[in-house]
Amino acid sequence: QVNLVESGGGLVQAGGSLRLSCEVSGNIVSRNVMGWYRQAPGNDRDLVAAIFSYGGKNYADSVKGRFTISSDNVANTVYLQMNSLKPEDTAVYYCSFQDMATLNVYWGQGTQVTVSS
């Protein structure tokens, strides 16, 4: 079992910045991928950014150049630095952890990000 706890969401004006954090605990296997997803009302949950245990990173086209995913392996925490925020970034942001051996996926409870225009 893996537990994830997100923090750092809130209300920000367009053009502002927020940093989300996700603390991971439990059975953390070495081969994994961690990601940030977001879901706006009426929409699917979409990938925002992912970071692999070997160091590779992926970003959705809509956030490239504005968002940065990073991790602190000592603190077992993954971050999402969000700059130049836009109203369309408004959503609930979820942290995920996937075990690359079993492909099991674990989710955090979500944190609301609201960007006002």
Protein backbone atom coordinates (compact mmCIF):
# COMPACT_ATOMS: atom_id res chain seq x y z
CA GLN A 1 0.00 0.00 0.00
CA VAL A 2 1.15 3.50 -0.85
CA ASN A 3 -0.29 6.67 0.67
CA LEU A 4 -0.11 10.09 -0.96
CA VAL A 5 -0.94 13.43 0.62
CA GLU A 6 -1.09 16.56 -1.54
CA SER A 7 -0.79 20.14 -0.37
CA GLY A 8 -0.23 23.59 -1.81
CA GLY A 9 -3.40 24.27 -3.75
CA GLY A 10 -5.32 27.50 -3.46
CA LEU A 11 -6.60 30.59 -5.20
CA VAL A 12 -4.26 32.67 -7.34
CA GLN A 13 -4.63 35.38 -9.96
CA ALA A 14 -3.78 34.72 -13.58
CA GLY A 15 -0.05 35.02 -14.12
CA GLY A 16 0.71 33.92 -10.60
CA SER A 17 2.48 30.83 -9.28
CA LEU A 18 1.76 27.92 -6.97
CA ARG A 19 3.78 24.92 -5.87
CA LEU A 20 2.05 21.65 -5.15
CA SER A 21 3.63 19.00 -2.95
CA CYS A 22 2.87 15.31 -2.64
CA GLU A 23 4.34 13.32 0.21
CA VAL A 24 4.52 9.60 -0.42
CA SER A 25 4.68 6.91 2.25
CA GLY A 26 4.31 3.15 2.49
CA ASN A 27 5.67 0.48 0.15
CA ILE A 28 7.69 2.69 -2.19
CA VAL A 29 9.32 0.51 -4.80
CA SER A 30 12.40 1.72 -6.62
CA ARG A 31 10.95 1.39 -10.15
CA ASN A 32 8.05 3.82 -10.25
CA VAL A 33 6.54 6.76 -11.99
CA MET A 34 4.91 9.64 -10.18
CA GLY A 35 2.58 12.08 -11.78
CA TRP A 36 0.28 15.01 -11.40
CA TYR A 37 -3.14 14.83 -13.01
CA ARG A 38 -5.95 17.34 -13.02
CA GLN A 39 -9.69 17.19 -13.42
CA ALA A 40 -12.00 20.10 -14.07
CA PRO A 41 -15.77 19.75 -13.59
CA GLY A 42 -17.27 17.72 -16.42
CA ASN A 43 -13.89 16.74 -17.78
CA ASP A 44 -11.74 13.63 -17.65
CA ARG A 45 -8.75 13.34 -15.36
CA ASP A 46 -5.78 14.25 -17.56
CA LEU A 47 -2.05 13.90 -17.10
CA VAL A 48 -0.24 17.16 -16.39
CA ALA A 49 3.30 15.93 -15.73
CA ALA A 50 5.11 12.71 -14.83
CA ILE A 51 8.54 11.87 -13.47
CA PHE A 52 10.08 8.43 -13.74
CA SER A 53 12.36 6.86 -11.16
CA TYR A 54 15.20 6.90 -13.73
CA GLY A 55 14.80 10.67 -14.07
CA GLY A 56 12.78 11.08 -17.26
CA LYS A 57 9.94 13.59 -17.33
CA ASN A 58 6.83 14.12 -19.46
CA TYR A 59 4.56 17.13 -19.70
CA ALA A 60 1.22 17.85 -21.28
CA ASP A 61 1.59 20.27 -24.18
CA SER A 62 -0.65 22.78 -22.42
CA VAL A 63 1.79 23.20 -19.52
CA LYS A 64 5.18 22.89 -21.21
CA GLY A 65 7.39 25.82 -20.35
CA ARG A 66 5.17 26.84 -17.43
CA PHE A 67 5.09 23.83 -15.08
CA THR A 68 8.02 21.85 -13.68
CA ILE A 69 7.83 18.48 -11.96
CA SER A 70 10.58 17.45 -9.55
CA SER A 71 11.18 15.01 -6.75
CA ASP A 72 13.09 14.73 -3.51
CA ASN A 73 13.89 11.07 -3.03
CA VAL A 74 15.13 11.59 0.52
CA ALA A 75 11.89 13.25 1.58
CA ASN A 76 9.78 10.98 -0.67
CA THR A 77 8.06 14.05 -2.03
CA VAL A 78 7.17 15.10 -5.55
CA TYR A 79 6.53 18.72 -6.47
CA LEU A 80 4.75 20.58 -9.23
CA GLN A 81 5.90 24.16 -9.68
CA MET A 82 3.25 26.03 -11.64
CA ASN A 83 4.12 29.42 -13.12
CA SER A 84 2.24 31.79 -15.43
CA LEU A 85 -1.03 30.24 -14.34
CA LYS A 86 -4.09 30.65 -16.53
CA PRO A 87 -7.80 30.39 -15.68
CA GLU A 88 -7.94 27.20 -17.74
CA ASP A 89 -5.51 25.60 -15.25
CA THR A 90 -8.32 25.64 -12.69
CA ALA A 91 -9.00 22.06 -11.58
CA VAL A 92 -8.54 19.56 -8.80
CA TYR A 93 -4.96 18.32 -8.99
CA TYR A 94 -4.22 14.72 -8.05
CA CYS A 95 -0.89 13.10 -7.28
CA SER A 96 -0.32 9.53 -8.44
CA PHE A 97 2.22 6.78 -7.81
CA GLN A 98 2.55 3.79 -10.12
CA ASP A 99 4.51 0.65 -9.32
CA MET A 100 6.19 -0.25 -12.60
CA ALA A 101 6.41 -3.93 -11.65
CA THR A 102 2.74 -4.51 -10.81
CA LEU A 103 1.32 -1.44 -12.65
CA ASN A 104 -0.79 -0.68 -9.56
CA VAL A 105 -1.68 3.01 -9.34
CA TYR A 106 -2.28 4.90 -6.13
CA TRP A 107 -3.92 8.32 -5.83
CA GLY A 108 -3.92 11.20 -3.42
CA GLN A 109 -7.09 12.92 -2.27
CA GLY A 110 -6.66 15.91 -4.59
CA THR A 111 -6.06 19.60 -4.02
CA GLN A 112 -8.04 22.43 -5.58
CA VAL A 113 -6.28 25.00 -7.74
CA THR A 114 -8.33 28.01 -8.79
CA VAL A 115 -6.94 30.68 -11.11
CA SER A 116 -8.95 33.89 -11.35
CA SER A 117 -8.87 36.12 -14.40
